[in-house]
């Protein structure tokens, strides 16, 4: 969703603003590009990457009209099952 996630001095509000800008590029300003599929990196309890899951984003909610520390982004998603590769044999 872009190259910026912040640094050690960035605030939660700054990070949410940058993430929402990246999401609007993907889904459109009114969600007109939905649904879309994306891969999400999963994290273990130590915040280390431990897998990838593909999801279909079907909706969203950005709460941006409050204290910057209370802003959040909610994505409505459905897990997309893994696809089995099918090869047609020709002989």
PDB file of N, CA and C in Angstrom:
ATOM      1  N   UNK A   1       0.829  -1.198   0.000  1.00  0.00           N
ATOM      2  CA  UNK A   1       0.000   0.000   0.000  1.00  0.00           C
ATOM      3  C   UNK A   1       0.862   1.245   0.000  1.00  0.00           C
ATOM      4  N   UNK A   2       2.013   1.133  -0.512  1.00  0.00           N
ATOM      5  CA  UNK A   2       2.878   2.300  -0.560  1.00  0.00           C
ATOM      6  C   UNK A   2       4.170   2.023   0.167  1.00  0.00           C
ATOM      7  N   UNK A   3       5.033   2.987   0.192  1.00  0.00           N
ATOM      8  CA  UNK A   3       6.345   2.790   0.801  1.00  0.00           C
ATOM      9  C   UNK A   3       6.451   3.425   2.173  1.00  0.00           C
ATOM     10  N   UNK A   4       5.471   4.185   2.607  1.00  0.00           N
ATOM     11  CA  UNK A   4       5.576   4.891   3.884  1.00  0.00           C
ATOM     12  C   UNK A   4       4.712   4.247   4.956  1.00  0.00           C
ATOM     13  N   UNK A   5       5.345   3.818   6.021  1.00  0.00           N
ATOM     14  CA  UNK A   5       4.599   3.381   7.201  1.00  0.00           C
ATOM     15  C   UNK A   5       4.996   4.192   8.421  1.00  0.00           C
ATOM     16  N   UNK A   6       5.896   5.112   8.255  1.00  0.00           N
ATOM     17  CA  UNK A   6       6.300   5.953   9.365  1.00  0.00           C
ATOM     18  C   UNK A   6       7.687   5.607   9.851  1.00  0.00           C
ATOM     19  N   UNK A   7       8.100   6.318  10.876  1.00  0.00           N
ATOM     20  CA  UNK A   7       9.389   6.059  11.506  1.00  0.00           C
ATOM     21  C   UNK A   7       9.214   6.196  13.002  1.00  0.00           C
ATOM     22  N   UNK A   8      10.280   6.193  13.740  1.00  0.00           N
ATOM     23  CA  UNK A   8      10.171   6.205  15.204  1.00  0.00           C
ATOM     24  C   UNK A   8       9.591   7.492  15.756  1.00  0.00           C
ATOM     25  N   UNK A   9       9.560   8.565  14.963  1.00  0.00           N
ATOM     26  CA  UNK A   9       8.998   9.819  15.475  1.00  0.00           C
ATOM     27  C   UNK A   9       7.631  10.146  14.877  1.00  0.00           C
ATOM     28  N   UNK A  10       7.140   9.327  13.962  1.00  0.00           N
ATOM     29  CA  UNK A  10       5.835   9.621  13.359  1.00  0.00           C
ATOM     30  C   UNK A  10       4.715   9.248  14.330  1.00  0.00           C
ATOM     31  N   UNK A  11       3.608   9.941  14.201  1.00  0.00           N
ATOM     32  CA  UNK A  11       2.474   9.709  15.085  1.00  0.00           C
ATOM     33  C   UNK A  11       1.503   8.723  14.448  1.00  0.00           C
ATOM     34  N   UNK A  12       0.608   8.188  15.267  1.00  0.00           N
ATOM     35  CA  UNK A  12      -0.428   7.292  14.758  1.00  0.00           C
ATOM     36  C   UNK A  12      -1.257   7.990  13.690  1.00  0.00           C
ATOM     37  N   UNK A  13      -1.630   9.248  13.940  1.00  0.00           N
ATOM     38  CA  UNK A  13      -2.429  10.004  12.977  1.00  0.00           C
ATOM     39  C   UNK A  13      -1.718  10.146  11.643  1.00  0.00           C
ATOM     40  N   UNK A  14      -0.411  10.403  11.666  1.00  0.00           N
ATOM     41  CA  UNK A  14       0.372  10.526  10.435  1.00  0.00           C
ATOM     42  C   UNK A  14       0.369   9.220   9.668  1.00  0.00           C
ATOM     43  N   UNK A  15       0.556   8.115  10.366  1.00  0.00           N
ATOM     44  CA  UNK A  15       0.574   6.811   9.710  1.00  0.00           C
ATOM     45  C   UNK A  15      -0.787   6.490   9.100  1.00  0.00           C
ATOM     46  N   UNK A  16      -1.873   6.748   9.826  1.00  0.00           N
ATOM     47  CA  UNK A  16      -3.223   6.496   9.301  1.00  0.00           C
ATOM     48  C   UNK A  16      -3.474   7.344   8.055  1.00  0.00           C
ATOM     49  N   UNK A  17      -3.044   8.604   8.071  1.00  0.00           N
ATOM     50  CA  UNK A  17      -3.234   9.467   6.904  1.00  0.00           C
ATOM     51  C   UNK A  17      -2.526   8.896   5.683  1.00  0.00           C
ATOM     52  N   UNK A  18      -1.296   8.438   5.856  1.00  0.00           N
ATOM     53  CA  UNK A  18      -0.549   7.872   4.733  1.00  0.00           C
ATOM     54  C   UNK A  18      -1.169   6.554   4.267  1.00  0.00           C
ATOM     55  N   UNK A  19      -1.590   5.710   5.196  1.00  0.00           N
ATOM     56  CA  UNK A  19      -2.215   4.446   4.818  1.00  0.00           C
ATOM     57  C   UNK A  19      -3.538   4.677   4.094  1.00  0.00           C
ATOM     58  N   UNK A  20      -4.330   5.637   4.567  1.00  0.00           N
ATOM     59  CA  UNK A  20      -5.612   5.886   3.901  1.00  0.00           C
ATOM     60  C   UNK A  20      -5.383   6.422   2.492  1.00  0.00           C
ATOM     61  N   UNK A  21      -4.361   7.242   2.291  1.00  0.00           N
ATOM     62  CA  UNK A  21      -4.051   7.719   0.938  1.00  0.00           C
ATOM     63  C   UNK A  21      -3.707   6.546   0.029  1.00  0.00           C
ATOM     64  N   UNK A  22      -2.903   5.606   0.536  1.00  0.00           N
ATOM     65  CA  UNK A  22      -2.544   4.426  -0.249  1.00  0.00           C
ATOM     66  C   UNK A  22      -3.750   3.561  -0.553  1.00  0.00           C
ATOM     67  N   UNK A  23      -4.648   3.419   0.415  1.00  0.00           N
ATOM     68  CA  UNK A  23      -5.854   2.619   0.183  1.00  0.00           C
ATOM     69  C   UNK A  23      -6.766   3.267  -0.843  1.00  0.00           C
ATOM     70  N   UNK A  24      -6.913   4.579  -0.777  1.00  0.00           N
ATOM     71  CA  UNK A  24      -7.765   5.263  -1.761  1.00  0.00           C
ATOM     72  C   UNK A  24      -7.220   5.071  -3.173  1.00  0.00           C
ATOM     73  N   UNK A  25      -5.882   5.001  -3.317  1.00  0.00           N
ATOM     74  CA  UNK A  25      -5.310   4.738  -4.639  1.00  0.00           C
ATOM     75  C   UNK A  25      -5.734   3.364  -5.136  1.00  0.00           C
ATOM     76  N   UNK A  26      -5.824   2.378  -4.241  1.00  0.00           N
ATOM     77  CA  UNK A  26      -6.189   1.017  -4.616  1.00  0.00           C
ATOM     78  C   UNK A  26      -7.686   0.844  -4.855  1.00  0.00           C
ATOM     79  N   UNK A  27      -8.511   1.402  -3.968  1.00  0.00           N
ATOM     80  CA  UNK A  27      -9.945   1.116  -4.021  1.00  0.00           C
ATOM     81  C   UNK A  27     -10.773   2.229  -4.647  1.00  0.00           C
ATOM     82  N   UNK A  28     -10.151   3.388  -4.908  1.00  0.00           N
ATOM     83  CA  UNK A  28     -10.885   4.537  -5.431  1.00  0.00           C
ATOM     84  C   UNK A  28     -11.421   5.377  -4.277  1.00  0.00           C
ATOM     85  N   UNK A  29     -11.712   6.609  -4.542  1.00  0.00           N
ATOM     86  CA  UNK A  29     -12.134   7.519  -3.474  1.00  0.00           C
ATOM     87  C   UNK A  29     -13.502   7.192  -2.911  1.00  0.00           C
ATOM     88  N   UNK A  30     -14.322   6.466  -3.678  1.00  0.00           N
ATOM     89  CA  UNK A  30     -15.646   6.072  -3.185  1.00  0.00           C
ATOM     90  C   UNK A  30     -15.819   4.562  -3.153  1.00  0.00           C
ATOM     91  N   UNK A  31     -14.706   3.831  -3.300  1.00  0.00           N
ATOM     92  CA  UNK A  31     -14.786   2.378  -3.303  1.00  0.00           C
ATOM     93  C   UNK A  31     -15.205   1.793  -4.631  1.00  0.00           C
ATOM     94  N   UNK A  32     -15.120   2.595  -5.702  1.00  0.00           N
ATOM     95  CA  UNK A  32     -15.596   2.132  -7.010  1.00  0.00           C
ATOM     96  C   UNK A  32     -14.769   0.993  -7.599  1.00  0.00           C
ATOM     97  N   UNK A  33     -13.565   0.771  -7.086  1.00  0.00           N
ATOM     98  CA  UNK A  33     -12.721  -0.311  -7.607  1.00  0.00           C
ATOM     99  C   UNK A  33     -12.889  -1.615  -6.817  1.00  0.00           C
ATOM    100  N   UNK A  34     -13.786  -1.609  -5.842  1.00  0.00           N
ATOM    101  CA  UNK A  34     -14.011  -2.825  -5.049  1.00  0.00           C
ATOM    102  C   UNK A  34     -14.921  -3.777  -5.794  1.00  0.00           C
ATOM    103  N   UNK A  35     -14.858  -5.069  -5.592  1.00  0.00           N
ATOM    104  CA  UNK A  35     -13.917  -5.736  -4.695  1.00  0.00           C
ATOM    105  C   UNK A  35     -12.554  -5.901  -5.364  1.00  0.00           C
ATOM    106  N   UNK A  36     -11.517  -5.967  -4.539  1.00  0.00           N
ATOM    107  CA  UNK A  36     -10.169  -6.267  -5.020  1.00  0.00           C
ATOM    108  C   UNK A  36      -9.596  -7.372  -4.149  1.00  0.00           C
ATOM    109  N   UNK A  37      -8.619  -8.075  -4.670  1.00  0.00           N
ATOM    110  CA  UNK A  37      -7.934  -9.091  -3.890  1.00  0.00           C
ATOM    111  C   UNK A  37      -6.532  -8.607  -3.576  1.00  0.00           C
ATOM    112  N   UNK A  38      -6.070  -8.926  -2.380  1.00  0.00           N
ATOM    113  CA  UNK A  38      -4.707  -8.566  -1.988  1.00  0.00           C
ATOM    114  C   UNK A  38      -4.146  -9.618  -1.044  1.00  0.00           C
ATOM    115  N   UNK A  39      -2.837  -9.694  -1.019  1.00  0.00           N
ATOM    116  CA  UNK A  39      -2.152 -10.590  -0.100  1.00  0.00           C
ATOM    117  C   UNK A  39      -1.801  -9.821   1.164  1.00  0.00           C
ATOM    118  N   UNK A  40      -2.071 -10.434   2.311  1.00  0.00           N
ATOM    119  CA  UNK A  40      -1.786  -9.826   3.610  1.00  0.00           C
ATOM    120  C   UNK A  40      -0.747 -10.683   4.319  1.00  0.00           C
ATOM    121  N   UNK A  41       0.280 -10.064   4.849  1.00  0.00           N
ATOM    122  CA  UNK A  41       1.273 -10.792   5.636  1.00  0.00           C
ATOM    123  C   UNK A  41       0.714 -10.990   7.033  1.00  0.00           C
ATOM    124  N   UNK A  42       0.751 -12.228   7.524  1.00  0.00           N
ATOM    125  CA  UNK A  42       0.296 -12.503   8.881  1.00  0.00           C
ATOM    126  C   UNK A  42       1.492 -12.457   9.827  1.00  0.00           C
ATOM    127  N   UNK A  43       1.233 -12.083  11.070  1.00  0.00           N
ATOM    128  CA  UNK A  43       2.283 -11.947  12.080  1.00  0.00           C
ATOM    129  C   UNK A  43       2.011 -12.885  13.237  1.00  0.00           C
ATOM    130  N   UNK A  44       3.085 -13.384  13.851  1.00  0.00           N
ATOM    131  CA  UNK A  44       2.918 -14.186  15.049  1.00  0.00           C
ATOM    132  C   UNK A  44       2.844 -13.276  16.267  1.00  0.00           C
ATOM    133  N   UNK A  45       2.802 -13.852  17.455  1.00  0.00           N
ATOM    134  CA  UNK A  45       2.651 -13.048  18.677  1.00  0.00           C
ATOM    135  C   UNK A  45       3.862 -12.166  18.967  1.00  0.00           C
ATOM    136  N   UNK A  46       4.974 -12.406  18.276  1.00  0.00           N
ATOM    137  CA  UNK A  46       6.169 -11.567  18.427  1.00  0.00           C
ATOM    138  C   UNK A  46       6.302 -10.558  17.288  1.00  0.00           C
ATOM    139  N   UNK A  47       5.235 -10.399  16.517  1.00  0.00           N
ATOM    140  CA  UNK A  47       5.183  -9.469  15.389  1.00  0.00           C
ATOM    141  C   UNK A  47       6.173  -9.838  14.293  1.00  0.00           C
ATOM    142  N   UNK A  48       6.468 -11.128  14.168  1.00  0.00           N
ATOM    143  CA  UNK A  48       7.319 -11.606  13.083  1.00  0.00           C
ATOM    144  C   UNK A  48       6.431 -12.226  12.010  1.00  0.00           C
ATOM    145  N   UNK A  49       6.761 -11.944  10.755  1.00  0.00           N
ATOM    146  CA  UNK A  49       5.976 -12.493   9.652  1.00  0.00           C
ATOM    147  C   UNK A  49       6.011 -14.016   9.697  1.00  0.00           C
ATOM    148  N   UNK A  50       4.824 -14.631   9.570  1.00  0.00           N
ATOM    149  CA  UNK A  50       4.777 -16.094   9.602  1.00  0.00           C
ATOM    150  C   UNK A  50       3.911 -16.690   8.503  1.00  0.00           C
ATOM    151  N   UNK A  51       3.444 -15.880   7.589  1.00  0.00           N
ATOM    152  CA  UNK A  51       2.639 -16.416   6.501  1.00  0.00           C
ATOM    153  C   UNK A  51       1.994 -15.318   5.683  1.00  0.00           C
ATOM    154  N   UNK A  52       1.291 -15.755   4.650  1.00  0.00           N
ATOM    155  CA  UNK A  52       0.576 -14.835   3.765  1.00  0.00           C
ATOM    156  C   UNK A  52      -0.810 -15.413   3.526  1.00  0.00           C
ATOM    157  N   UNK A  53      -1.810 -14.559   3.549  1.00  0.00           N
ATOM    158  CA  UNK A  53      -3.171 -14.981   3.242  1.00  0.00           C
ATOM    159  C   UNK A  53      -3.733 -14.026   2.184  1.00  0.00           C
ATOM    160  N   UNK A  54      -4.458 -14.567   1.206  1.00  0.00           N
ATOM    161  CA  UNK A  54      -5.092 -13.744   0.177  1.00  0.00           C
ATOM    162  C   UNK A  54      -6.519 -13.458   0.624  1.00  0.00           C
ATOM    163  N   UNK A  55      -6.906 -12.178   0.567  1.00  0.00           N
ATOM    164  CA  UNK A  55      -8.253 -11.773   0.943  1.00  0.00           C
ATOM    165  C   UNK A  55      -8.879 -10.959  -0.174  1.00  0.00           C
ATOM    166  N   UNK A  56     -10.210 -10.987  -0.207  1.00  0.00           N
ATOM    167  CA  UNK A  56     -10.969 -10.116  -1.104  1.00  0.00           C
ATOM    168  C   UNK A  56     -11.526  -8.994  -0.241  1.00  0.00           C
ATOM    169  N   UNK A  57     -11.180  -7.763  -0.557  1.00  0.00           N
ATOM    170  CA  UNK A  57     -11.678  -6.601   0.176  1.00  0.00           C
ATOM    171  C   UNK A  57     -13.009  -6.212  -0.454  1.00  0.00           C
ATOM    172  N   UNK A  58     -14.072  -6.259   0.352  1.00  0.00           N
ATOM    173  CA  UNK A  58     -15.417  -5.982  -0.151  1.00  0.00           C
ATOM    174  C   UNK A  58     -15.986  -4.652   0.338  1.00  0.00           C
ATOM    175  N   UNK A  59     -15.361  -4.056   1.339  1.00  0.00           N
ATOM    176  CA  UNK A  59     -15.839  -2.789   1.876  1.00  0.00           C
ATOM    177  C   UNK A  59     -14.807  -2.204   2.824  1.00  0.00           C
ATOM    178  N   UNK A  60     -15.078  -1.019   3.336  1.00  0.00           N
ATOM    179  CA  UNK A  60     -14.119  -0.348   4.203  1.00  0.00           C
ATOM    180  C   UNK A  60     -14.826   0.688   5.071  1.00  0.00           C
ATOM    181  N   UNK A  61     -14.113   1.135   6.090  1.00  0.00           N
ATOM    182  CA  UNK A  61     -14.576   2.234   6.927  1.00  0.00           C
ATOM    183  C   UNK A  61     -13.345   2.975   7.428  1.00  0.00           C
ATOM    184  N   UNK A  62     -13.288   4.275   7.176  1.00  0.00           N
ATOM    185  CA  UNK A  62     -12.217   5.109   7.695  1.00  0.00           C
ATOM    186  C   UNK A  62     -12.827   6.029   8.739  1.00  0.00           C
ATOM    187  N   UNK A  63     -12.359   5.950   9.949  1.00  0.00           N
ATOM    188  CA  UNK A  63     -12.785   6.891  10.981  1.00  0.00           C
ATOM    189  C   UNK A  63     -11.660   7.905  11.118  1.00  0.00           C
ATOM    190  N   UNK A  64     -11.910   9.125  10.638  1.00  0.00           N
ATOM    191  CA  UNK A  64     -10.860  10.142  10.600  1.00  0.00           C
ATOM    192  C   UNK A  64     -11.274  11.462  11.238  1.00  0.00           C
ATOM    193  N   UNK A  65     -12.454  11.519  11.835  1.00  0.00           N
ATOM    194  CA  UNK A  65     -12.954  12.802  12.354  1.00  0.00           C
ATOM    195  C   UNK A  65     -12.938  12.827  13.880  1.00  0.00           C
ATOM    196  N   UNK A  66     -11.835  12.358  14.441  1.00  0.00           N
ATOM    197  CA  UNK A  66     -11.712  12.385  15.899  1.00  0.00           C
ATOM    198  C   UNK A  66     -10.271  12.702  16.257  1.00  0.00           C
ATOM    199  N   UNK A  67      -9.976  12.593  17.519  1.00  0.00           N
ATOM    200  CA  UNK A  67      -8.606  12.734  17.987  1.00  0.00           C
ATOM    201  C   UNK A  67      -7.711  11.860  17.115  1.00  0.00           C
ATOM    202  N   UNK A  68      -6.599  12.387  16.586  1.00  0.00           N
ATOM    203  CA  UNK A  68      -5.742  11.585  15.696  1.00  0.00           C
ATOM    204  C   UNK A  68      -5.344  10.225  16.260  1.00  0.00           C
ATOM    205  N   UNK A  69      -5.224  10.116  17.570  1.00  0.00           N
ATOM    206  CA  UNK A  69      -4.832   8.831  18.153  1.00  0.00           C
ATOM    207  C   UNK A  69      -5.972   7.819  18.151  1.00  0.00           C
ATOM    208  N   UNK A  70      -7.204   8.250  17.833  1.00  0.00           N
ATOM    209  CA  UNK A  70      -8.359   7.349  17.799  1.00  0.00           C
ATOM    210  C   UNK A  70      -8.805   7.022  16.381  1.00  0.00           C
ATOM    211  N   UNK A  71      -8.056   7.444  15.371  1.00  0.00           N
ATOM    212  CA  UNK A  71      -8.419   7.161  13.987  1.00  0.00           C
ATOM    213  C   UNK A  71      -8.098   5.710  13.661  1.00  0.00           C
ATOM    214  N   UNK A  72      -8.893   5.133  12.778  1.00  0.00           N
ATOM    215  CA  UNK A  72      -8.609   3.756  12.380  1.00  0.00           C
ATOM    216  C   UNK A  72      -9.202   3.464  11.014  1.00  0.00           C
ATOM    217  N   UNK A  73      -8.711   2.374  10.426  1.00  0.00           N
ATOM    218  CA  UNK A  73      -9.186   1.888   9.129  1.00  0.00           C
ATOM    219  C   UNK A  73      -9.684   0.468   9.340  1.00  0.00           C
ATOM    220  N   UNK A  74     -10.895   0.190   8.881  1.00  0.00           N
ATOM    221  CA  UNK A  74     -11.442  -1.162   8.918  1.00  0.00           C
ATOM    222  C   UNK A  74     -11.649  -1.627   7.479  1.00  0.00           C
ATOM    223  N   UNK A  75     -11.123  -2.804   7.153  1.00  0.00           N
ATOM    224  CA  UNK A  75     -11.358  -3.402   5.845  1.00  0.00           C
ATOM    225  C   UNK A  75     -12.264  -4.603   6.035  1.00  0.00           C
ATOM    226  N   UNK A  76     -13.349  -4.672   5.263  1.00  0.00           N
ATOM    227  CA  UNK A  76     -14.221  -5.844   5.271  1.00  0.00           C
ATOM    228  C   UNK A  76     -13.647  -6.830   4.264  1.00  0.00           C
ATOM    229  N   UNK A  77     -13.299  -8.010   4.747  1.00  0.00           N
ATOM    230  CA  UNK A  77     -12.614  -8.962   3.880  1.00  0.00           C
ATOM    231  C   UNK A  77     -13.215 -10.353   3.964  1.00  0.00           C
ATOM    232  N   UNK A  78     -12.962 -11.133   2.937  1.00  0.00           N
ATOM    233  CA  UNK A  78     -13.299 -12.547   2.877  1.00  0.00           C
ATOM    234  C   UNK A  78     -12.028 -13.266   2.457  1.00  0.00           C
ATOM    235  N   UNK A  79     -11.674 -14.340   3.150  1.00  0.00           N
ATOM    236  CA  UNK A  79     -10.476 -15.093   2.781  1.00  0.00           C
ATOM    237  C   UNK A  79     -10.733 -15.812   1.462  1.00  0.00           C
ATOM    238  N   UNK A  80      -9.789 -15.679   0.548  1.00  0.00           N
ATOM    239  CA  UNK A  80      -9.880 -16.329  -0.760  1.00  0.00           C
ATOM    240  C   UNK A  80      -9.165 -17.672  -0.650  1.00  0.00           C
ATOM    241  N   UNK A  81      -9.865 -18.769  -0.930  1.00  0.00           N
ATOM    242  CA  UNK A  81      -9.212 -20.082  -0.849  1.00  0.00           C
ATOM    243  C   UNK A  81      -8.057 -20.196  -1.836  1.00  0.00           C
ATOM    244  N   UNK A  82      -7.089 -21.015  -1.474  1.00  0.00           N
ATOM    245  CA  UNK A  82      -5.962 -21.261  -2.369  1.00  0.00           C
ATOM    246  C   UNK A  82      -6.463 -21.897  -3.659  1.00  0.00           C
ATOM    247  N   UNK A  83      -5.850 -21.538  -4.748  1.00  0.00           N
ATOM    248  CA  UNK A  83      -6.241 -22.082  -6.042  1.00  0.00           C
ATOM    249  C   UNK A  83      -5.374 -23.291  -6.364  1.00  0.00           C
ATOM    250  N   UNK A  84      -6.000 -24.310  -6.877  1.00  0.00           N
ATOM    251  CA  UNK A  84      -5.275 -25.492  -7.325  1.00  0.00           C
ATOM    252  C   UNK A  84      -4.917 -25.292  -8.783  1.00  0.00           C
ATOM    253  N   UNK A  85      -3.639 -25.397  -9.063  1.00  0.00           N
ATOM    254  CA  UNK A  85      -3.191 -25.216 -10.442  1.00  0.00           C
ATOM    255  C   UNK A  85      -3.649 -26.405 -11.269  1.00  0.00           C
ATOM    256  N   UNK A  86      -4.313 -26.101 -12.360  1.00  0.00           N
ATOM    257  CA  UNK A  86      -4.790 -27.153 -13.257  1.00  0.00           C
ATOM    258  C   UNK A  86      -4.009 -27.091 -14.555  1.00  0.00           C
ATOM    259  N   UNK A  87      -3.471 -28.212 -14.938  1.00  0.00           N
ATOM    260  CA  UNK A  87      -2.689 -28.299 -16.160  1.00  0.00           C
ATOM    261  C   UNK A  87      -3.422 -29.216 -17.131  1.00  0.00           C
ATOM    262  N   UNK A  88      -3.650 -28.727 -18.314  1.00  0.00           N
ATOM    263  CA  UNK A  88      -4.290 -29.540 -19.341  1.00  0.00           C
ATOM    264  C   UNK A  88      -3.208 -30.326 -20.073  1.00  0.00           C
ATOM    265  N   UNK A  89      -3.335 -31.627 -20.052  1.00  0.00           N
ATOM    266  CA  UNK A  89      -2.387 -32.484 -20.729  1.00  0.00           C
ATOM    267  C   UNK A  89      -2.852 -32.718 -22.165  1.00  0.00           C
ATOM    268  N   UNK A  90      -1.974 -32.469 -23.083  1.00  0.00           N
ATOM    269  CA  UNK A  90      -2.282 -32.682 -24.495  1.00  0.00           C
ATOM    270  C   UNK A  90      -1.331 -33.749 -25.013  1.00  0.00           C
ATOM    271  N   UNK A  91      -1.895 -34.802 -25.612  1.00  0.00           N
ATOM    272  CA  UNK A  91      -1.042 -35.879 -26.133  1.00  0.00           C
ATOM    273  C   UNK A  91      -1.567 -36.385 -27.450  1.00  0.00           C
TER     274      UNK A  91
END
